[in-house]
PDB file of N, CA and C in Angstrom:
ATOM      1  N   MET A   1       0.816  -1.196   0.000  1.00  0.00           N
ATOM      2  CA  MET A   1       0.000   0.000   0.000  1.00  0.00           C
ATOM      3  C   MET A   1       0.865   1.268   0.000  1.00  0.00           C
ATOM      4  N   LEU A   2       1.905   1.253   0.839  1.00  0.00           N
ATOM      5  CA  LEU A   2       2.797   2.412   0.904  1.00  0.00           C
ATOM      6  C   LEU A   2       3.554   2.579  -0.405  1.00  0.00           C
ATOM      7  N   ARG A   3       3.913   1.462  -1.017  1.00  0.00           N
ATOM      8  CA  ARG A   3       4.649   1.499  -2.283  1.00  0.00           C
ATOM      9  C   ARG A   3       3.825   2.174  -3.378  1.00  0.00           C
ATOM     10  N   SER A   4       2.585   1.785  -3.504  1.00  0.00           N
ATOM     11  CA  SER A   4       1.747   2.366  -4.559  1.00  0.00           C
ATOM     12  C   SER A   4       1.403   3.831  -4.272  1.00  0.00           C
ATOM     13  N   ALA A   5       1.236   4.178  -3.006  1.00  0.00           N
ATOM     14  CA  ALA A   5       0.946   5.573  -2.660  1.00  0.00           C
ATOM     15  C   ALA A   5       2.146   6.469  -2.960  1.00  0.00           C
ATOM     16  N   CYS A   6       3.354   5.991  -2.646  1.00  0.00           N
ATOM     17  CA  CYS A   6       4.560   6.769  -2.955  1.00  0.00           C
ATOM     18  C   CYS A   6       4.756   6.900  -4.455  1.00  0.00           C
ATOM     19  N   PHE A   7       4.492   5.821  -5.191  1.00  0.00           N
ATOM     20  CA  PHE A   7       4.643   5.884  -6.636  1.00  0.00           C
ATOM     21  C   PHE A   7       3.630   6.849  -7.250  1.00  0.00           C
ATOM     22  N   ALA A   8       2.385   6.815  -6.765  1.00  0.00           N
ATOM     23  CA  ALA A   8       1.354   7.707  -7.293  1.00  0.00           C
ATOM     24  C   ALA A   8       1.680   9.173  -6.986  1.00  0.00           C
ATOM     25  N   ALA A   9       2.171   9.445  -5.780  1.00  0.00           N
ATOM     26  CA  ALA A   9       2.533  10.824  -5.430  1.00  0.00           C
ATOM     27  C   ALA A   9       3.706  11.305  -6.287  1.00  0.00           C
ATOM     28  N   GLY A  10       4.683  10.443  -6.514  1.00  0.00           N
ATOM     29  CA  GLY A  10       5.818  10.808  -7.364  1.00  0.00           C
ATOM     30  C   GLY A  10       5.400  11.038  -8.803  1.00  0.00           C
ATOM     31  N   LEU A  11       4.500  10.204  -9.302  1.00  0.00           N
ATOM     32  CA  LEU A  11       4.001  10.376 -10.670  1.00  0.00           C
ATOM     33  C   LEU A  11       3.224  11.679 -10.808  1.00  0.00           C
ATOM     34  N   PHE A  12       2.422  12.006  -9.811  1.00  0.00           N
ATOM     35  CA  PHE A  12       1.658  13.253  -9.811  1.00  0.00           C
ATOM     36  C   PHE A  12       2.594  14.460  -9.862  1.00  0.00           C
ATOM     37  N   LEU A  13       3.618  14.454  -9.007  1.00  0.00           N
ATOM     38  CA  LEU A  13       4.565  15.574  -8.997  1.00  0.00           C
ATOM     39  C   LEU A  13       5.358  15.650 -10.296  1.00  0.00           C
ATOM     40  N   GLY A  14       5.744  14.498 -10.826  1.00  0.00           N
ATOM     41  CA  GLY A  14       6.491  14.487 -12.076  1.00  0.00           C
ATOM     42  C   GLY A  14       5.680  15.008 -13.243  1.00  0.00           C
ATOM     43  N   LEU A  15       4.407  14.649 -13.297  1.00  0.00           N
ATOM     44  CA  LEU A  15       3.559  15.132 -14.389  1.00  0.00           C
ATOM     45  C   LEU A  15       3.308  16.631 -14.283  1.00  0.00           C
ATOM     46  N   TRP A  16       3.181  17.162 -13.071  1.00  0.00           N
ATOM     47  CA  TRP A  16       3.056  18.609 -12.920  1.00  0.00           C
ATOM     48  C   TRP A  16       4.336  19.306 -13.338  1.00  0.00           C
ATOM     49  N   GLY A  17       5.479  18.678 -13.070  1.00  0.00           N
ATOM     50  CA  GLY A  17       6.744  19.247 -13.521  1.00  0.00           C
ATOM     51  C   GLY A  17       6.829  19.303 -15.041  1.00  0.00           C
ATOM     52  N   VAL A  18       6.381  18.238 -15.706  1.00  0.00           N
ATOM     53  CA  VAL A  18       6.360  18.224 -17.174  1.00  0.00           C
ATOM     54  C   VAL A  18       5.400  19.287 -17.699  1.00  0.00           C
ATOM     55  N   ALA A  19       4.268  19.455 -17.039  1.00  0.00           N
ATOM     56  CA  ALA A  19       3.305  20.473 -17.467  1.00  0.00           C
ATOM     57  C   ALA A  19       3.886  21.880 -17.308  1.00  0.00           C
ATOM     58  N   PHE A  20       4.623  22.110 -16.219  1.00  0.00           N
ATOM     59  CA  PHE A  20       5.220  23.429 -16.006  1.00  0.00           C
ATOM     60  C   PHE A  20       6.354  23.706 -16.984  1.00  0.00           C
ATOM     61  N   LEU A  21       6.961  22.665 -17.566  1.00  0.00           N
ATOM     62  CA  LEU A  21       7.974  22.884 -18.595  1.00  0.00           C
ATOM     63  C   LEU A  21       7.360  23.472 -19.862  1.00  0.00           C
ATOM     64  N   GLY A  22       6.126  23.087 -20.150  1.00  0.00           N
ATOM     65  CA  GLY A  22       5.499  23.494 -21.400  1.00  0.00           C
ATOM     66  C   GLY A  22       4.665  24.749 -21.338  1.00  0.00           C
ATOM     67  N   ILE A  23       4.395  25.272 -20.143  1.00  0.00           N
ATOM     68  CA  ILE A  23       3.536  26.454 -20.046  1.00  0.00           C
ATOM     69  C   ILE A  23       4.300  27.621 -19.419  1.00  0.00           C
ATOM     70  N   ASP A  24       3.871  28.816 -19.743  1.00  0.00           N
ATOM     71  CA  ASP A  24       4.434  30.007 -19.118  1.00  0.00           C
ATOM     72  C   ASP A  24       3.520  30.521 -18.014  1.00  0.00           C
ATOM     73  N   LYS A  25       2.222  30.569 -18.305  1.00  0.00           N
ATOM     74  CA  LYS A  25       1.241  31.064 -17.344  1.00  0.00           C
ATOM     75  C   LYS A  25      -0.027  30.230 -17.430  1.00  0.00           C
ATOM     76  N   LEU A  26      -0.765  30.158 -16.346  1.00  0.00           N
ATOM     77  CA  LEU A  26      -2.098  29.564 -16.330  1.00  0.00           C
ATOM     78  C   LEU A  26      -3.092  30.679 -16.050  1.00  0.00           C
ATOM     79  N   VAL A  27      -3.971  30.961 -16.997  1.00  0.00           N
ATOM     80  CA  VAL A  27      -5.022  31.960 -16.796  1.00  0.00           C
ATOM     81  C   VAL A  27      -6.267  31.197 -16.394  1.00  0.00           C
ATOM     82  N   MET A  28      -6.712  31.428 -15.171  1.00  0.00           N
ATOM     83  CA  MET A  28      -7.843  30.684 -14.631  1.00  0.00           C
ATOM     84  C   MET A  28      -9.148  31.431 -14.896  1.00  0.00           C
ATOM     85  N   HIS A  29     -10.210  30.680 -15.055  1.00  0.00           N
ATOM     86  CA  HIS A  29     -11.528  31.261 -15.285  1.00  0.00           C
ATOM     87  C   HIS A  29     -12.218  31.426 -13.942  1.00  0.00           C
ATOM     88  N   GLU A  30     -12.648  32.637 -13.648  1.00  0.00           N
ATOM     89  CA  GLU A  30     -13.340  32.918 -12.399  1.00  0.00           C
ATOM     90  C   GLU A  30     -14.592  33.724 -12.718  1.00  0.00           C
ATOM     91  N   PRO A  31     -15.749  33.077 -12.813  1.00  0.00           N
ATOM     92  CA  PRO A  31     -16.944  33.795 -13.230  1.00  0.00           C
ATOM     93  C   PRO A  31     -17.476  34.797 -12.205  1.00  0.00           C
ATOM     94  N   GLU A  32     -17.256  34.557 -10.921  1.00  0.00           N
ATOM     95  CA  GLU A  32     -17.786  35.464  -9.908  1.00  0.00           C
ATOM     96  C   GLU A  32     -16.643  35.987  -9.047  1.00  0.00           C
ATOM     97  N   GLU A  33     -16.861  37.118  -8.418  1.00  0.00           N
ATOM     98  CA  GLU A  33     -15.829  37.732  -7.596  1.00  0.00           C
ATOM     99  C   GLU A  33     -15.732  37.003  -6.265  1.00  0.00           C
ATOM    100  N   ARG A  34     -14.512  36.536  -5.945  1.00  0.00           N
ATOM    101  CA  ARG A  34     -14.253  35.946  -4.645  1.00  0.00           C
ATOM    102  C   ARG A  34     -12.759  36.003  -4.357  1.00  0.00           C
ATOM    103  N   ASP A  35     -12.397  35.803  -3.107  1.00  0.00           N
ATOM    104  CA  ASP A  35     -10.996  35.845  -2.690  1.00  0.00           C
ATOM    105  C   ASP A  35     -10.305  34.564  -3.143  1.00  0.00           C
ATOM    106  N   PRO A  36      -9.152  34.644  -3.845  1.00  0.00           N
ATOM    107  CA  PRO A  36      -8.514  33.447  -4.402  1.00  0.00           C
ATOM    108  C   PRO A  36      -8.042  32.442  -3.367  1.00  0.00           C
ATOM    109  N   GLY A  37      -7.533  32.824  -2.233  1.00  0.00           N
ATOM    110  CA  GLY A  37      -7.150  31.875  -1.203  1.00  0.00           C
ATOM    111  C   GLY A  37      -5.762  31.273  -1.386  1.00  0.00           C
ATOM    112  N   ILE A  38      -5.215  31.222  -2.594  1.00  0.00           N
ATOM    113  CA  ILE A  38      -3.861  30.724  -2.814  1.00  0.00           C
ATOM    114  C   ILE A  38      -2.948  31.938  -2.900  1.00  0.00           C
ATOM    115  N   ARG A  39      -1.881  31.907  -2.135  1.00  0.00           N
ATOM    116  CA  ARG A  39      -0.965  33.056  -2.167  1.00  0.00           C
ATOM    117  C   ARG A  39       0.342  32.632  -2.786  1.00  0.00           C
ATOM    118  N   GLY A  40       1.142  33.572  -3.161  1.00  0.00           N
ATOM    119  CA  GLY A  40       2.450  33.267  -3.729  1.00  0.00           C
ATOM    120  C   GLY A  40       2.445  33.442  -5.230  1.00  0.00           C
ATOM    121  N   MET A  41       2.136  32.362  -5.964  1.00  0.00           N
ATOM    122  CA  MET A  41       2.194  32.424  -7.428  1.00  0.00           C
ATOM    123  C   MET A  41       0.923  33.026  -8.019  1.00  0.00           C
ATOM    124  N   LEU A  42      -0.163  33.134  -7.235  1.00  0.00           N
ATOM    125  CA  LEU A  42      -1.449  33.578  -7.765  1.00  0.00           C
ATOM    126  C   LEU A  42      -1.573  35.090  -7.638  1.00  0.00           C
ATOM    127  N   ALA A  43      -1.829  35.763  -8.722  1.00  0.00           N
ATOM    128  CA  ALA A  43      -1.992  37.215  -8.720  1.00  0.00           C
ATOM    129  C   ALA A  43      -3.120  37.578  -9.669  1.00  0.00           C
ATOM    130  N   LYS A  44      -3.760  38.684  -9.404  1.00  0.00           N
ATOM    131  CA  LYS A  44      -4.815  39.177 -10.294  1.00  0.00           C
ATOM    132  C   LYS A  44      -4.181  39.949 -11.440  1.00  0.00           C
ATOM    133  N   GLN A  45      -4.667  39.710 -12.634  1.00  0.00           N
ATOM    134  CA  GLN A  45      -4.172  40.433 -13.793  1.00  0.00           C
ATOM    135  C   GLN A  45      -5.376  40.788 -14.657  1.00  0.00           C
ATOM    136  N   VAL A  46      -5.356  41.950 -15.237  1.00  0.00           N
ATOM    137  CA  VAL A  46      -6.465  42.389 -16.064  1.00  0.00           C
ATOM    138  C   VAL A  46      -6.267  41.853 -17.472  1.00  0.00           C
ATOM    139  N   VAL A  47      -7.242  41.054 -17.943  1.00  0.00           N
ATOM    140  CA  VAL A  47      -7.227  40.514 -19.298  1.00  0.00           C
ATOM    141  C   VAL A  47      -8.446  41.098 -19.996  1.00  0.00           C
ATOM    142  N   GLY A  48      -8.216  41.973 -20.948  1.00  0.00           N
ATOM    143  CA  GLY A  48      -9.334  42.683 -21.571  1.00  0.00           C
ATOM    144  C   GLY A  48      -9.920  43.642 -20.554  1.00  0.00           C
ATOM    145  N   ARG A  49     -11.184  43.447 -20.223  1.00  0.00           N
ATOM    146  CA  ARG A  49     -11.835  44.251 -19.188  1.00  0.00           C
ATOM    147  C   ARG A  49     -12.012  43.462 -17.904  1.00  0.00           C
ATOM    148  N   GLU A  50     -11.641  42.185 -17.912  1.00  0.00           N
ATOM    149  CA  GLU A  50     -11.839  41.336 -16.742  1.00  0.00           C
ATOM    150  C   GLU A  50     -10.563  41.229 -15.923  1.00  0.00           C
ATOM    151  N   SER A  51     -10.745  40.914 -14.667  1.00  0.00           N
ATOM    152  CA  SER A  51      -9.625  40.632 -13.785  1.00  0.00           C
ATOM    153  C   SER A  51      -9.670  39.139 -13.465  1.00  0.00           C
ATOM    154  N   ARG A  52      -8.646  38.399 -13.920  1.00  0.00           N
ATOM    155  CA  ARG A  52      -8.610  36.944 -13.729  1.00  0.00           C
ATOM    156  C   ARG A  52      -7.382  36.557 -12.921  1.00  0.00           C
ATOM    157  N   PRO A  53      -7.504  35.496 -12.114  1.00  0.00           N
ATOM    158  CA  PRO A  53      -6.304  35.018 -11.414  1.00  0.00           C
ATOM    159  C   PRO A  53      -5.359  34.309 -12.380  1.00  0.00           C
ATOM    160  N   ILE A  54      -4.078  34.577 -12.218  1.00  0.00           N
ATOM    161  CA  ILE A  54      -3.044  34.019 -13.093  1.00  0.00           C
ATOM    162  C   ILE A  54      -2.037  33.279 -12.214  1.00  0.00           C
ATOM    163  N   ILE A  55      -1.706  32.040 -12.573  1.00  0.00           N
ATOM    164  CA  ILE A  55      -0.632  31.311 -11.906  1.00  0.00           C
ATOM    165  C   ILE A  55       0.594  31.421 -12.803  1.00  0.00           C
ATOM    166  N   ASP A  56       1.622  32.062 -12.286  1.00  0.00           N
ATOM    167  CA  ASP A  56       2.863  32.271 -13.030  1.00  0.00           C
ATOM    168  C   ASP A  56       3.999  31.596 -12.250  1.00  0.00           C
ATOM    169  N   PRO A  57       4.256  30.301 -12.511  1.00  0.00           N
ATOM    170  CA  PRO A  57       5.296  29.609 -11.740  1.00  0.00           C
ATOM    171  C   PRO A  57       6.697  30.067 -12.144  1.00  0.00           C
ATOM    172  N   PRO A  58       7.626  30.096 -11.194  1.00  0.00           N
ATOM    173  CA  PRO A  58       9.002  30.444 -11.549  1.00  0.00           C
ATOM    174  C   PRO A  58       9.630  29.350 -12.411  1.00  0.00           C
ATOM    175  N   GLU A  59      10.721  29.671 -13.073  1.00  0.00           N
ATOM    176  CA  GLU A  59      11.334  28.717 -14.006  1.00  0.00           C
ATOM    177  C   GLU A  59      11.896  27.491 -13.301  1.00  0.00           C
ATOM    178  N   TRP A  60      12.300  27.612 -12.040  1.00  0.00           N
ATOM    179  CA  TRP A  60      12.880  26.489 -11.327  1.00  0.00           C
ATOM    180  C   TRP A  60      11.825  25.510 -10.818  1.00  0.00           C
ATOM    181  N   ALA A  61      10.546  25.895 -10.827  1.00  0.00           N
ATOM    182  CA  ALA A  61       9.497  25.033 -10.271  1.00  0.00           C
ATOM    183  C   ALA A  61       9.345  23.739 -11.069  1.00  0.00           C
ATOM    184  N   ALA A  62       9.483  23.787 -12.381  1.00  0.00           N
ATOM    185  CA  ALA A  62       9.338  22.584 -13.207  1.00  0.00           C
ATOM    186  C   ALA A  62      10.422  21.565 -12.880  1.00  0.00           C
ATOM    187  N   PHE A  63      11.664  22.013 -12.789  1.00  0.00           N
ATOM    188  CA  PHE A  63      12.762  21.096 -12.515  1.00  0.00           C
ATOM    189  C   PHE A  63      12.698  20.552 -11.088  1.00  0.00           C
ATOM    190  N   THR A  64      12.240  21.369 -10.153  1.00  0.00           N
ATOM    191  CA  THR A  64      12.099  20.917  -8.776  1.00  0.00           C
ATOM    192  C   THR A  64      11.039  19.831  -8.678  1.00  0.00           C
ATOM    193  N   LEU A  65       9.879  20.043  -9.307  1.00  0.00           N
ATOM    194  CA  LEU A  65       8.821  19.043  -9.262  1.00  0.00           C
ATOM    195  C   LEU A  65       9.241  17.753  -9.963  1.00  0.00           C
ATOM    196  N   LEU A  66       9.942  17.877 -11.090  1.00  0.00           N
ATOM    197  CA  LEU A  66      10.428  16.684 -11.795  1.00  0.00           C
ATOM    198  C   LEU A  66      11.407  15.893 -10.937  1.00  0.00           C
ATOM    199  N   SER A  67      12.330  16.563 -10.284  1.00  0.00           N
ATOM    200  CA  SER A  67      13.330  15.847  -9.489  1.00  0.00           C
ATOM    201  C   SER A  67      12.719  15.223  -8.240  1.00  0.00           C
ATOM    202  N   ILE A  68      11.849  15.929  -7.553  1.00  0.00           N
ATOM    203  CA  ILE A  68      11.197  15.361  -6.370  1.00  0.00           C
ATOM    204  C   ILE A  68      10.317  14.178  -6.758  1.00  0.00           C
ATOM    205  N   GLY A  69       9.592  14.294  -7.868  1.00  0.00           N
ATOM    206  CA  GLY A  69       8.746  13.204  -8.327  1.00  0.00           C
ATOM    207  C   GLY A  69       9.537  11.972  -8.714  1.00  0.00           C
ATOM    208  N   SER A  70      10.663  12.162  -9.413  1.00  0.00           N
ATOM    209  CA  SER A  70      11.451  10.999  -9.825  1.00  0.00           C
ATOM    210  C   SER A  70      12.128  10.332  -8.639  1.00  0.00           C
ATOM    211  N   VAL A  71      12.614  11.101  -7.665  1.00  0.00           N
ATOM    212  CA  VAL A  71      13.214  10.512  -6.470  1.00  0.00           C
ATOM    213  C   VAL A  71      12.165   9.754  -5.658  1.00  0.00           C
ATOM    214  N   THR A  72      10.958  10.289  -5.579  1.00  0.00           N
ATOM    215  CA  THR A  72       9.887   9.596  -4.854  1.00  0.00           C
ATOM    216  C   THR A  72       9.509   8.298  -5.549  1.00  0.00           C
ATOM    217  N   MET A  73       9.462   8.289  -6.881  1.00  0.00           N
ATOM    218  CA  MET A  73       9.152   7.047  -7.596  1.00  0.00           C
ATOM    219  C   MET A  73      10.274   6.025  -7.434  1.00  0.00           C
ATOM    220  N   LEU A  74      11.524   6.473  -7.456  1.00  0.00           N
ATOM    221  CA  LEU A  74      12.638   5.554  -7.225  1.00  0.00           C
ATOM    222  C   LEU A  74      12.604   4.994  -5.804  1.00  0.00           C
ATOM    223  N   TYR A  75      12.220   5.820  -4.838  1.00  0.00           N
ATOM    224  CA  TYR A  75      12.082   5.350  -3.461  1.00  0.00           C
ATOM    225  C   TYR A  75      10.992   4.294  -3.354  1.00  0.00           C
ATOM    226  N   SER A  76       9.897   4.480  -4.073  1.00  0.00           N
ATOM    227  CA  SER A  76       8.801   3.504  -3.993  1.00  0.00           C
ATOM    228  C   SER A  76       9.211   2.159  -4.573  1.00  0.00           C
ATOM    229  N   VAL A  77      10.108   2.155  -5.557  1.00  0.00           N
ATOM    230  CA  VAL A  77      10.606   0.888  -6.097  1.00  0.00           C
ATOM    231  C   VAL A  77      11.548   0.210  -5.108  1.00  0.00           C
ATOM    232  N   ALA A  78      12.263   0.995  -4.308  1.00  0.00           N
ATOM    233  CA  ALA A  78      13.234   0.458  -3.366  1.00  0.00           C
ATOM    234  C   ALA A  78      12.610  -0.033  -2.062  1.00  0.00           C
ATOM    235  N   ILE A  79      11.357   0.285  -1.801  1.00  0.00           N
ATOM    236  CA  ILE A  79      10.713  -0.185  -0.569  1.00  0.00           C
ATOM    237  C   ILE A  79      10.575  -1.706  -0.653  1.00  0.00           C
ATOM    238  N   PRO A  80      11.027  -2.435   0.403  1.00  0.00           N
ATOM    239  CA  PRO A  80      10.916  -3.893   0.348  1.00  0.00           C
ATOM    240  C   PRO A  80       9.460  -4.369   0.401  1.00  0.00           C
ATOM    241  N   LYS A  81       9.207  -5.476  -0.315  1.00  0.00           N
ATOM    242  CA  LYS A  81       7.856  -6.050  -0.332  1.00  0.00           C
ATOM    243  C   LYS A  81       7.616  -6.827   0.965  1.00  0.00           C
ATOM    244  N   HIS A  82       6.422  -6.687   1.507  1.00  0.00           N
ATOM    245  CA  HIS A  82       6.032  -7.463   2.679  1.00  0.00           C
ATOM    246  C   HIS A  82       5.041  -8.519   2.254  1.00  0.00           C
ATOM    247  N   ASN A  83       5.346  -9.771   2.528  1.00  0.00           N
ATOM    248  CA  ASN A  83       4.431 -10.862   2.145  1.00  0.00           C
ATOM    249  C   ASN A  83       3.588 -11.308   3.295  1.00  0.00           C
TER     250      ASN A  83
END
């Protein structure tokens, strides 16, 4: 159980790292006004006449997520099997 959970978490992080390699910004759709709740990478930006939340990850975030994900997947392979 622990092996599959570690592998799934590593795969999730690795895929987000691959996604961050291919994108510059994520423009999110927010139909109604509300407080975003995520701080750090999330900022309001005016697109046309609307104000939309934008996720702008730093360039190092993709490589960090890829490396953490791959190390976690390698760790899950190294966990001994319990019979």
